[in-house]
Amino acid sequence: MEEEPLVMLVGLTPRQRESALERYALLRPCLEEGMTQSWVAREQQVSRSPVQRWMRVYREKGLSGLAPGGRADRGQVRGVPQELIALIEGLGLERIEREVGCDSCAGA
């Protein structure tokens, strides 16, 4: 598995920087005051798993590591097999002919 390149704060968008600083502010009691990650999660009303993940990433990559990354599959359909997409598109192109029943036309 390849390591991700280290991202500098200046290489982030303003929104990514803002998000990284928000996450750092959330982690600050753990980092500076010795509070537990569980305490921070309770106080901030977030799940413990993102707090744990952010702490790990902060220790590994620093403040820029707290910035949200983009999705690798952005712009692509997720969770639908290509064969199913082709089938659905094919059905949409077919002309479906239906007999329309009509009581007044039944004797004709």
Protein backbone atom coordinates (compact mmCIF):
# COMPACT_ATOMS: atom_id res chain seq x y z
CA MET A 1 0.00 0.00 0.00
CA GLU A 2 1.42 3.37 -1.03
CA GLU A 3 1.85 6.14 1.51
CA GLU A 4 -0.07 9.34 0.88
CA PRO A 5 2.11 12.38 0.24
CA LEU A 6 2.31 14.89 3.06
CA VAL A 7 0.02 17.85 2.38
CA MET A 8 1.00 21.31 3.54
CA LEU A 9 -1.61 23.70 4.97
CA VAL A 10 -0.97 26.16 2.14
CA GLY A 11 -1.99 23.47 -0.36
CA LEU A 12 -5.47 23.17 1.14
CA THR A 13 -8.60 24.97 0.08
CA PRO A 14 -10.05 27.51 2.53
CA ARG A 15 -12.82 25.04 3.41
CA GLN A 16 -10.30 22.24 4.08
CA ARG A 17 -8.24 24.56 6.30
CA GLU A 18 -11.36 25.60 8.19
CA SER A 19 -12.35 21.98 8.72
CA ALA A 20 -8.84 21.05 9.91
CA LEU A 21 -8.88 23.89 12.43
CA GLU A 22 -12.34 22.88 13.65
CA ARG A 23 -11.16 19.32 14.20
CA TYR A 24 -8.02 20.55 15.97
CA ALA A 25 -10.17 22.71 18.27
CA LEU A 26 -12.23 19.63 19.09
CA LEU A 27 -9.05 17.63 19.88
CA ARG A 28 -7.37 20.40 21.87
CA PRO A 29 -8.58 19.15 25.30
CA CYS A 30 -6.93 15.78 24.57
CA LEU A 31 -3.72 17.32 23.31
CA GLU A 32 -3.25 20.12 25.81
CA GLU A 33 -5.31 19.30 28.89
CA GLY A 34 -4.95 15.52 29.08
CA MET A 35 -8.67 14.82 28.66
CA THR A 36 -9.63 11.44 27.26
CA GLN A 37 -10.91 10.90 23.76
CA SER A 38 -14.13 9.48 25.25
CA TRP A 39 -14.64 12.67 27.25
CA VAL A 40 -14.15 14.82 24.14
CA ALA A 41 -16.59 12.67 22.15
CA ARG A 42 -19.23 13.01 24.90
CA GLU A 43 -18.70 16.74 25.34
CA GLN A 44 -18.78 17.46 21.61
CA GLN A 45 -21.61 14.97 21.01
CA VAL A 46 -19.75 13.07 18.31
CA SER A 47 -18.97 9.40 17.97
CA ARG A 48 -15.72 8.25 19.54
CA SER A 49 -14.41 6.68 16.32
CA PRO A 50 -13.83 9.97 14.43
CA VAL A 51 -12.12 11.42 17.51
CA GLN A 52 -9.81 8.40 17.63
CA ARG A 53 -9.15 8.59 13.87
CA TRP A 54 -8.44 12.34 14.00
CA MET A 55 -6.04 11.88 16.91
CA ARG A 56 -4.15 9.17 15.01
CA VAL A 57 -4.01 11.24 11.82
CA TYR A 58 -2.94 14.37 13.73
CA ARG A 59 -0.07 12.45 15.33
CA GLU A 60 1.00 11.01 11.97
CA LYS A 61 0.54 14.02 9.66
CA GLY A 62 0.00 17.08 11.81
CA LEU A 63 -2.64 19.74 11.37
CA SER A 64 -2.93 19.32 7.60
CA GLY A 65 -3.84 15.66 8.15
CA LEU A 66 -7.08 16.79 9.79
CA ALA A 67 -8.32 18.32 6.53
CA PRO A 68 -10.97 16.25 4.77
CA GLY A 69 -9.71 14.59 1.63
CA GLY A 70 -11.56 14.20 -1.62
CA ARG A 71 -13.20 10.96 -2.61
CA ALA A 72 -11.24 8.78 -5.02
CA ASP A 73 -14.51 7.78 -6.74
CA ARG A 74 -15.92 11.30 -7.05
CA GLY A 75 -18.24 11.68 -10.01
CA GLN A 76 -18.78 7.96 -10.47
CA VAL A 77 -21.81 5.88 -9.61
CA ARG A 78 -21.12 4.00 -6.39
CA GLY A 79 -22.51 0.60 -5.52
CA VAL A 80 -24.21 -0.20 -8.85
CA PRO A 81 -22.51 -2.81 -11.04
CA GLN A 82 -21.68 -1.66 -14.58
CA GLU A 83 -23.73 -4.56 -16.02
CA LEU A 84 -26.86 -3.32 -14.23
CA ILE A 85 -26.28 0.23 -15.47
CA ALA A 86 -26.03 -1.07 -19.05
CA LEU A 87 -29.22 -3.12 -18.63
CA ILE A 88 -31.17 -0.13 -17.27
CA GLU A 89 -29.90 2.14 -20.02
CA GLY A 90 -30.82 -0.49 -22.63
CA LEU A 91 -34.34 -0.82 -21.26
CA GLY A 92 -34.75 2.93 -21.43
CA LEU A 93 -33.89 2.88 -25.12
CA GLU A 94 -36.29 0.08 -26.02
CA ARG A 95 -39.74 0.98 -27.23
CA ILE A 96 -42.21 -0.84 -25.08
CA GLU A 97 -45.46 -1.44 -26.88
CA ARG A 98 -48.53 -2.06 -24.77
CA GLU A 99 -52.02 -2.94 -25.74
CA VAL A 100 -54.40 -0.46 -24.29
CA GLY A 101 -57.65 -2.11 -23.21
CA CYS A 102 -60.83 -0.19 -23.76
CA ASP A 103 -64.35 -1.36 -22.82
CA SER A 104 -65.95 0.41 -25.77
CA CYS A 105 -63.40 -1.12 -28.17
CA ALA A 106 -63.82 -4.69 -26.94
CA GLY A 107 -66.47 -5.62 -29.50
CA ALA A 108 -64.69 -4.17 -32.49
